[in-house]
Amino acid sequence: MTFLKRSYPLIVWAAREVLRRPGRNLLLLACLASLTFLVATALLFTRALDRTWSRLMDQAPDLVVRRIDAGGWAPIPVEAGLASASTVPGALSPKARLWGVVPGPRGPVTVTASTATIPPKALAGLTPPVRGQAVVGTGVTDALEDQRLVLDGRTALTIIGKFSPETSLATHDLVWIAPQDARQLLGIPAGTASDLAIYLFHQQEEEAIRADLSAAFPWPVHVSGRSTSALRHHVRAVRMGGIAVVACVPAVLAMVLIVTGTAAGSSSRQSQWGLLKAMGWTTGDIVRLQVVESVIVAIPAVTFGLASAYAVVFHPPAAGLAAMWITGGQRLHELVLDPSDAAVTMLEIAALVVLPYLAAAYLATVQGVARDPLLLMQENPWK
């Protein structure tokens, strides 16, 4: 409280100086807010995308076994495949999965008849479809004008449900249908499946069990792990965030140069410094005054930029537009991202923008004010 009482006159004086130059300070506030918004949108989106995908991946199988032959992928016999997987110690609850990709109304969609391919959270409150019915993701319903879905140009399905937007990263283009419809669309005979999902007792044994699974089947198979997929998506998110930050570095440097040039080169500003020094102000007093002025401009600018970025990233319709802007891909309607740890990211962004700005204002003021007051007023007459 004592510090605030002693600083109150300086804060009032600084606020008065800010109001004396409304045009310049409003322009500076807009530049800071825009820069904060761009940096925060990119970093918040990529980190939230990484967290959301990791949360969904935690519900995926630890290992997936696919049969391969000379032509590539081949259906795997269910009984023989389950029997072979069960012989591997540590491989728990092998499940046959029936899924694939078929042409949809506006491009390819993923069809599945196995709940093992769907995050458990997405299944909450949904009724399993029977023949002629389907449960679809948000990306599929956005392409329809009614409750009818035609796949591969021949199979018409009635939509009876929709996956939760909170799982849209995994269910955006997903269509859950009955096994009979899936086999007809995918051309997979009865008694076979697309692949096998394997769950492990200890995830640390993934590499060892992967080798055992490859040797346990009577046909060539390819075994992929959840950790590999999760790492791939994590690297992609980190790369997008890094590119976004690097792209904003020139804007930060430009802001520093503008602040430095404005503070050090303004004739009216230097004249004011000379007058204040002649009135008894010390160099430290003037430097503190300029820093407080910068803080008064920076706080609302950064707050507005961060609030706007948060709304864009975590408001579902706007998040879809942000995804299209940052990834260069298609728009994801009703994209719901995980906001946990967003506060830490916003503090990092505030520091990334505010610290260079305050440093530029401080150094420019120190350089400009450390002169004789008479020289300051003579070389730059008061205006």
Protein backbone atom coordinates (compact mmCIF):
# COMPACT_ATOMS: atom_id res chain seq x y z
CA MET A 1 0.00 0.00 0.00
CA THR A 2 2.84 2.40 0.82
CA PHE A 3 4.39 1.75 -2.60
CA LEU A 4 1.08 2.45 -4.33
CA LYS A 5 0.60 5.70 -2.39
CA ARG A 6 4.05 6.89 -3.39
CA SER A 7 3.52 5.81 -7.01
CA TYR A 8 0.05 7.31 -7.36
CA PRO A 9 1.20 10.82 -8.49
CA LEU A 10 3.49 9.27 -11.10
CA ILE A 11 0.68 7.04 -12.40
CA VAL A 12 -1.68 10.03 -12.65
CA TRP A 13 0.96 12.07 -14.48
CA ALA A 14 1.66 9.19 -16.86
CA ALA A 15 -2.06 8.75 -17.58
CA ARG A 16 -2.27 12.49 -18.33
CA GLU A 17 0.61 12.17 -20.79
CA VAL A 18 -1.11 9.25 -22.50
CA LEU A 19 -4.29 11.31 -22.92
CA ARG A 20 -2.30 14.23 -24.34
CA ARG A 21 -1.40 12.09 -27.37
CA PRO A 22 -4.57 10.09 -28.04
CA GLY A 23 -3.91 9.43 -31.72
CA ARG A 24 -0.40 8.08 -31.25
CA ASN A 25 -1.30 5.98 -28.24
CA LEU A 26 -4.48 4.56 -29.82
CA LEU A 27 -2.45 3.52 -32.85
CA LEU A 28 0.17 1.93 -30.62
CA LEU A 29 -2.56 0.17 -28.62
CA ALA A 30 -4.08 -1.21 -31.82
CA CYS A 31 -0.68 -2.47 -33.02
CA LEU A 32 0.04 -4.19 -29.71
CA ALA A 33 -3.43 -5.74 -29.58
CA SER A 34 -3.15 -7.02 -33.17
CA LEU A 35 0.30 -8.47 -32.59
CA THR A 36 -0.86 -10.16 -29.38
CA PHE A 37 -3.93 -11.55 -31.13
CA LEU A 38 -1.89 -13.09 -33.98
CA VAL A 39 0.71 -14.69 -31.71
CA ALA A 40 -1.84 -15.87 -29.15
CA THR A 41 -4.20 -17.36 -31.72
CA ALA A 42 -1.43 -19.43 -33.28
CA LEU A 43 0.09 -20.67 -30.02
CA LEU A 44 -3.20 -21.25 -28.19
CA PHE A 45 -4.62 -23.16 -31.13
CA THR A 46 -1.62 -25.45 -31.69
CA ARG A 47 -1.22 -26.25 -27.99
CA ALA A 48 -4.94 -26.83 -27.49
CA LEU A 49 -4.98 -29.02 -30.60
CA ASP A 50 -2.11 -31.08 -29.18
CA ARG A 51 -3.81 -31.46 -25.77
CA THR A 52 -7.17 -32.37 -27.28
CA TRP A 53 -5.67 -34.95 -29.61
CA SER A 54 -3.62 -36.47 -26.79
CA ARG A 55 -6.76 -36.78 -24.66
CA LEU A 56 -8.57 -38.61 -27.47
CA MET A 57 -5.54 -40.80 -28.21
CA ASP A 58 -5.51 -41.98 -24.60
CA GLN A 59 -8.72 -43.87 -25.40
CA ALA A 60 -7.33 -45.53 -28.55
CA PRO A 61 -5.93 -49.11 -28.70
CA ASP A 62 -2.28 -49.50 -27.79
CA LEU A 63 -1.50 -51.56 -30.91
CA VAL A 64 -3.22 -52.18 -34.23
CA VAL A 65 -2.49 -55.27 -36.34
CA ARG A 66 -3.13 -55.16 -40.11
CA ARG A 67 -2.65 -58.02 -42.53
CA ILE A 68 -0.60 -57.24 -45.64
CA ASP A 69 0.07 -59.10 -48.86
CA ALA A 70 1.67 -58.43 -52.23
CA GLY A 71 -1.16 -56.02 -53.12
CA GLY A 72 -0.93 -54.07 -49.86
CA TRP A 73 -3.68 -54.29 -47.23
CA ALA A 74 -5.82 -57.44 -46.96
CA PRO A 75 -8.77 -58.44 -44.71
CA ILE A 76 -7.74 -60.46 -41.69
CA PRO A 77 -9.62 -63.67 -40.72
CA VAL A 78 -11.29 -62.92 -37.41
CA GLU A 79 -11.09 -66.31 -35.64
CA ALA A 80 -7.52 -67.09 -36.71
CA GLY A 81 -6.39 -63.55 -35.99
CA LEU A 82 -7.87 -63.43 -32.50
CA ALA A 83 -6.45 -66.85 -31.69
CA SER A 84 -2.96 -65.80 -32.81
CA ALA A 85 -3.07 -62.51 -30.89
CA SER A 86 -4.22 -64.28 -27.72
CA THR A 87 -1.04 -66.37 -27.67
CA VAL A 88 1.12 -63.30 -27.00
CA PRO A 89 1.59 -62.64 -23.26
CA GLY A 90 0.66 -59.09 -22.29
CA ALA A 91 -1.66 -58.54 -25.28
CA LEU A 92 -5.09 -58.07 -23.70
CA SER A 93 -8.59 -58.14 -25.18
CA PRO A 94 -7.86 -58.32 -28.93
CA LYS A 95 -10.84 -57.00 -30.88
CA ALA A 96 -11.64 -57.28 -34.57
CA ARG A 97 -12.50 -53.94 -36.20
CA LEU A 98 -14.52 -53.32 -39.34
CA TRP A 99 -13.89 -49.93 -40.92
CA GLY A 100 -12.67 -48.18 -44.04
CA VAL A 101 -12.97 -45.16 -46.34
CA VAL A 102 -15.74 -44.74 -48.95
CA PRO A 103 -16.95 -41.86 -51.16
CA GLY A 104 -19.40 -39.52 -49.43
CA PRO A 105 -21.59 -36.59 -50.52
CA ARG A 106 -18.66 -34.14 -50.58
CA GLY A 107 -15.59 -36.30 -50.51
CA PRO A 108 -14.34 -39.41 -48.73
CA VAL A 109 -15.69 -40.34 -45.29
CA THR A 110 -14.64 -42.99 -42.79
CA VAL A 111 -17.24 -45.68 -42.11
CA THR A 112 -17.05 -48.05 -39.17
CA ALA A 113 -19.13 -50.82 -37.69
CA SER A 114 -16.91 -51.34 -34.62
CA THR A 115 -17.11 -49.34 -31.43
CA ALA A 116 -13.40 -50.08 -30.93
CA THR A 117 -12.65 -47.43 -33.57
CA ILE A 118 -14.72 -44.75 -31.80
CA PRO A 119 -13.62 -42.85 -28.66
CA PRO A 120 -15.79 -44.04 -25.72
CA LYS A 121 -16.70 -40.43 -24.94
CA ALA A 122 -18.26 -40.11 -28.41
CA LEU A 123 -20.57 -43.08 -27.78
CA ALA A 124 -22.27 -41.57 -24.74
CA GLY A 125 -26.03 -41.36 -25.21
CA LEU A 126 -26.05 -42.83 -28.72
CA THR A 127 -28.11 -45.77 -29.92
CA PRO A 128 -26.21 -48.36 -32.03
CA PRO A 129 -27.40 -48.18 -35.65
CA VAL A 130 -29.13 -51.10 -37.32
CA ARG A 131 -29.17 -51.86 -41.03
CA GLY A 132 -30.06 -48.74 -43.03
CA GLN A 133 -29.19 -46.32 -40.18
CA ALA A 134 -26.12 -44.22 -39.37
CA VAL A 135 -24.61 -42.02 -36.66
CA VAL A 136 -22.41 -39.31 -38.16
CA GLY A 137 -19.87 -36.63 -37.26
CA THR A 138 -20.32 -32.88 -37.59
CA GLY A 139 -18.44 -32.73 -40.89
CA VAL A 140 -20.88 -35.16 -42.48
CA THR A 141 -24.09 -33.50 -41.28
CA ASP A 142 -22.87 -30.12 -42.54
CA ALA A 143 -22.84 -31.56 -46.07
CA LEU A 144 -26.45 -32.81 -45.92
CA GLU A 145 -29.73 -31.05 -46.59
CA ASP A 146 -31.93 -33.69 -44.92
CA GLN A 147 -31.58 -36.76 -42.71
CA ARG A 148 -30.56 -39.04 -45.59
CA LEU A 149 -26.95 -39.98 -46.33
CA VAL A 150 -25.90 -41.66 -49.58
CA LEU A 151 -22.51 -43.40 -49.58
CA ASP A 152 -20.65 -44.68 -52.61
CA GLY A 153 -23.56 -43.49 -54.74
CA ARG A 154 -25.69 -46.53 -53.90
CA THR A 155 -26.24 -47.04 -50.18
CA ALA A 156 -28.83 -44.72 -48.60
CA LEU A 157 -28.83 -44.41 -44.82
CA THR A 158 -31.08 -42.65 -42.33
CA ILE A 159 -29.23 -40.51 -39.78
CA ILE A 160 -30.35 -41.32 -36.24
CA GLY A 161 -27.66 -39.52 -34.23
CA LYS A 162 -24.68 -37.21 -34.22
CA PHE A 163 -21.34 -37.49 -32.43
CA SER A 164 -20.54 -34.91 -29.76
CA PRO A 165 -18.62 -31.83 -31.01
CA GLU A 166 -16.15 -32.40 -28.16
CA THR A 167 -14.84 -35.41 -30.09
CA SER A 168 -14.87 -33.74 -33.53
CA LEU A 169 -11.12 -34.19 -34.00
CA ALA A 170 -11.70 -37.96 -34.11
CA THR A 171 -15.28 -38.07 -35.45
CA HIS A 172 -15.44 -35.14 -37.89
CA ASP A 173 -15.91 -37.33 -41.00
CA LEU A 174 -16.89 -40.56 -39.22
CA VAL A 175 -20.02 -42.58 -40.08
CA TRP A 176 -21.07 -45.37 -37.70
CA ILE A 177 -23.19 -47.97 -39.48
CA ALA A 178 -24.34 -51.58 -39.06
CA PRO A 179 -21.90 -54.43 -39.92
CA GLN A 180 -24.01 -55.58 -42.89
CA ASP A 181 -23.88 -52.12 -44.48
CA ALA A 182 -20.15 -51.79 -43.75
CA ARG A 183 -19.31 -55.12 -45.41
CA GLN A 184 -21.36 -54.19 -48.44
CA LEU A 185 -19.66 -50.80 -48.79
CA LEU A 186 -16.11 -51.97 -48.07
CA GLY A 187 -16.28 -55.31 -49.86
CA ILE A 188 -15.06 -57.21 -46.81
CA PRO A 189 -16.39 -60.81 -46.68
CA ALA A 190 -18.10 -62.26 -43.61
CA GLY A 191 -15.68 -63.77 -41.10
CA THR A 192 -12.96 -61.19 -41.83
CA ALA A 193 -12.14 -57.78 -40.42
CA SER A 194 -10.16 -54.68 -41.35
CA ASP A 195 -7.65 -55.06 -38.48
CA LEU A 196 -7.24 -56.09 -34.85
CA ALA A 197 -7.09 -53.70 -31.90
CA ILE A 198 -4.79 -54.79 -29.06
CA TYR A 199 -4.67 -53.39 -25.52
CA LEU A 200 -1.58 -53.87 -23.35
CA PHE A 201 -1.24 -54.58 -19.66
CA HIS A 202 1.95 -52.51 -19.50
CA GLN A 203 2.43 -49.82 -22.15
CA GLN A 204 6.17 -49.87 -21.47
CA GLU A 205 6.26 -53.30 -23.14
CA GLU A 206 4.93 -51.97 -26.45
CA GLU A 207 8.10 -52.51 -28.47
CA ALA A 208 8.66 -56.06 -27.19
CA ILE A 209 5.03 -57.10 -27.69
CA ARG A 210 4.99 -55.55 -31.15
CA ALA A 211 7.79 -57.90 -32.20
CA ASP A 212 6.02 -60.88 -30.62
CA LEU A 213 2.77 -60.03 -32.42
CA SER A 214 4.53 -59.78 -35.78
CA ALA A 215 5.84 -63.32 -35.30
CA ALA A 216 2.61 -64.79 -33.91
CA PHE A 217 0.50 -64.62 -37.09
CA PRO A 218 0.66 -67.11 -39.97
CA TRP A 219 0.61 -64.25 -42.53
CA PRO A 220 2.65 -61.05 -42.87
CA VAL A 221 1.25 -58.27 -40.67
CA HIS A 222 2.04 -54.66 -39.89
CA VAL A 223 1.81 -53.61 -36.23
CA SER A 224 1.48 -49.90 -35.44
CA GLY A 225 1.47 -48.32 -31.98
CA ARG A 226 -0.55 -45.54 -30.42
CA SER A 227 2.60 -43.82 -29.19
CA THR A 228 3.87 -43.47 -32.76
CA SER A 229 0.67 -41.80 -33.90
CA ALA A 230 0.55 -39.56 -30.85
CA LEU A 231 4.17 -38.51 -31.41
CA ARG A 232 3.46 -37.71 -35.05
CA HIS A 233 0.56 -35.41 -34.16
CA HIS A 234 2.56 -33.81 -31.33
CA VAL A 235 5.46 -33.03 -33.66
CA ARG A 236 3.05 -31.56 -36.20
CA ALA A 237 1.44 -29.30 -33.58
CA VAL A 238 4.82 -28.15 -32.26
CA ARG A 239 5.99 -27.43 -35.80
CA MET A 240 2.89 -25.34 -36.56
CA GLY A 241 3.32 -23.40 -33.33
CA GLY A 242 7.01 -22.81 -34.01
CA ILE A 243 6.33 -21.58 -37.52
CA ALA A 244 3.67 -19.21 -36.22
CA VAL A 245 6.01 -17.73 -33.60
CA VAL A 246 8.88 -17.36 -36.07
CA ALA A 247 6.52 -15.65 -38.52
CA CYS A 248 5.61 -13.11 -35.82
CA VAL A 249 9.23 -12.29 -34.89
CA PRO A 250 9.56 -9.63 -37.66
CA ALA A 251 6.41 -7.97 -36.34
CA VAL A 252 7.86 -7.87 -32.81
CA LEU A 253 11.13 -6.40 -34.11
CA ALA A 254 9.22 -3.82 -36.14
CA MET A 255 7.28 -2.83 -33.02
CA VAL A 256 10.54 -2.44 -31.08
CA LEU A 257 12.04 -0.23 -33.80
CA ILE A 258 8.90 1.92 -34.00
CA VAL A 259 8.77 2.40 -30.23
CA THR A 260 12.48 3.19 -30.07
CA GLY A 261 12.33 5.67 -32.93
CA THR A 262 9.21 7.37 -31.61
CA ALA A 263 10.51 7.70 -28.07
CA ALA A 264 14.03 8.84 -28.97
CA GLY A 265 13.32 10.93 -32.05
CA SER A 266 10.24 12.94 -31.12
CA SER A 267 11.18 16.61 -30.74
CA SER A 268 8.23 17.38 -28.47
CA ARG A 269 9.11 14.41 -26.28
CA GLN A 270 12.74 15.46 -25.85
CA SER A 271 11.70 19.05 -25.20
CA GLN A 272 9.42 17.83 -22.46
CA TRP A 273 12.24 15.79 -20.95
CA GLY A 274 14.49 18.86 -20.92
CA LEU A 275 11.79 20.96 -19.23
CA LEU A 276 11.15 18.29 -16.61
CA LYS A 277 14.86 18.01 -15.83
CA ALA A 278 15.05 21.80 -15.51
CA MET A 279 12.21 21.61 -12.99
CA GLY A 280 14.14 19.15 -10.85
CA TRP A 281 13.13 15.77 -12.22
CA THR A 282 15.94 13.23 -12.23
CA THR A 283 16.79 10.90 -15.08
CA GLY A 284 15.36 8.01 -13.07
CA ASP A 285 12.07 9.88 -12.54
CA ILE A 286 11.66 10.49 -16.28
CA VAL A 287 12.55 6.91 -17.14
CA ARG A 288 9.99 5.61 -14.65
CA LEU A 289 7.41 8.00 -16.10
CA GLN A 290 7.94 6.67 -19.62
CA VAL A 291 7.82 3.05 -18.44
CA VAL A 292 4.54 3.68 -16.60
CA GLU A 293 3.13 5.31 -19.76
CA SER A 294 4.10 2.24 -21.74
CA VAL A 295 2.48 -0.04 -19.16
CA ILE A 296 -0.76 1.99 -19.27
CA VAL A 297 -0.92 1.45 -23.04
CA ALA A 298 0.26 -2.18 -22.98
CA ILE A 299 -2.12 -3.59 -20.35
CA PRO A 300 -5.43 -2.93 -22.18
CA ALA A 301 -3.85 -3.77 -25.55
CA VAL A 302 -2.50 -7.15 -24.46
CA THR A 303 -5.64 -7.95 -22.46
CA PHE A 304 -7.87 -7.26 -25.47
CA GLY A 305 -5.58 -9.26 -27.79
CA LEU A 306 -5.50 -12.27 -25.46
CA ALA A 307 -9.25 -12.19 -24.84
CA SER A 308 -9.95 -12.05 -28.58
CA ALA A 309 -7.56 -14.91 -29.28
CA TYR A 310 -9.08 -17.04 -26.51
CA ALA A 311 -12.58 -16.45 -27.90
CA VAL A 312 -11.47 -17.37 -31.43
CA VAL A 313 -9.64 -20.55 -30.40
CA PHE A 314 -12.10 -21.96 -27.87
CA HIS A 315 -15.43 -20.80 -29.33
CA PRO A 316 -16.41 -23.79 -31.54
CA PRO A 317 -17.47 -22.02 -34.79
CA ALA A 318 -14.53 -19.60 -34.61
CA ALA A 319 -12.13 -22.45 -33.76
CA GLY A 320 -13.05 -24.06 -37.07
CA LEU A 321 -12.05 -20.88 -38.90
CA ALA A 322 -8.80 -20.70 -36.92
CA ALA A 323 -8.04 -24.29 -37.93
CA MET A 324 -8.55 -23.42 -41.59
CA TRP A 325 -6.29 -20.35 -41.25
CA ILE A 326 -3.42 -22.00 -39.35
CA THR A 327 -3.34 -25.44 -40.93
CA GLY A 328 -4.34 -24.37 -44.43
CA GLY A 329 -6.89 -27.19 -44.47
CA GLN A 330 -10.65 -27.42 -44.58
CA ARG A 331 -12.89 -25.72 -42.07
CA LEU A 332 -13.82 -27.87 -39.06
CA HIS A 333 -17.30 -26.87 -37.92
CA GLU A 334 -18.01 -26.93 -34.18
CA LEU A 335 -14.40 -27.72 -33.29
CA VAL A 336 -14.13 -28.03 -29.49
CA LEU A 337 -10.61 -27.81 -28.05
CA ASP A 338 -9.29 -28.46 -24.55
CA PRO A 339 -8.71 -25.11 -22.73
CA SER A 340 -6.62 -26.56 -19.90
CA ASP A 341 -3.25 -24.82 -19.40
CA ALA A 342 -4.43 -21.95 -21.60
CA ALA A 343 -3.70 -19.49 -18.78
CA VAL A 344 -0.01 -20.47 -18.74
CA THR A 345 0.23 -20.07 -22.49
CA MET A 346 -1.41 -16.64 -22.31
CA LEU A 347 1.10 -15.50 -19.67
CA GLU A 348 3.94 -16.64 -21.92
CA ILE A 349 2.47 -14.72 -24.86
CA ALA A 350 2.00 -11.59 -22.75
CA ALA A 351 5.64 -11.75 -21.74
CA LEU A 352 6.71 -12.34 -25.36
CA VAL A 353 4.97 -9.14 -26.50
CA VAL A 354 5.19 -6.84 -23.47
CA LEU A 355 8.81 -7.36 -22.42
CA PRO A 356 10.37 -6.30 -25.76
CA TYR A 357 7.98 -3.33 -25.87
CA LEU A 358 8.90 -2.16 -22.36
CA ALA A 359 12.60 -2.79 -22.99
CA ALA A 360 12.47 -0.65 -26.14
CA ALA A 361 10.70 2.17 -24.29
CA TYR A 362 13.18 1.97 -21.40
CA LEU A 363 16.34 1.94 -23.49
CA ALA A 364 15.12 4.70 -25.82
CA THR A 365 14.25 6.90 -22.85
CA VAL A 366 17.58 6.30 -21.11
CA GLN A 367 19.44 7.15 -24.30
CA GLY A 368 17.42 10.29 -24.99
CA VAL A 369 17.13 11.75 -21.49
CA ALA A 370 20.77 11.34 -20.34
CA ARG A 371 21.71 14.78 -21.67
CA ASP A 372 21.91 18.33 -20.39
CA PRO A 373 18.38 19.80 -20.07
CA LEU A 374 19.44 23.05 -21.76
CA LEU A 375 20.68 21.17 -24.82
CA LEU A 376 17.45 19.21 -25.00
CA MET A 377 15.34 22.39 -24.96
CA GLN A 378 17.63 24.36 -27.31
CA GLU A 379 17.97 21.63 -29.93
CA ASN A 380 14.30 20.74 -29.78
CA PRO A 381 12.23 23.83 -28.92
CA TRP A 382 9.06 23.25 -26.95
CA LYS A 383 6.06 22.76 -29.19
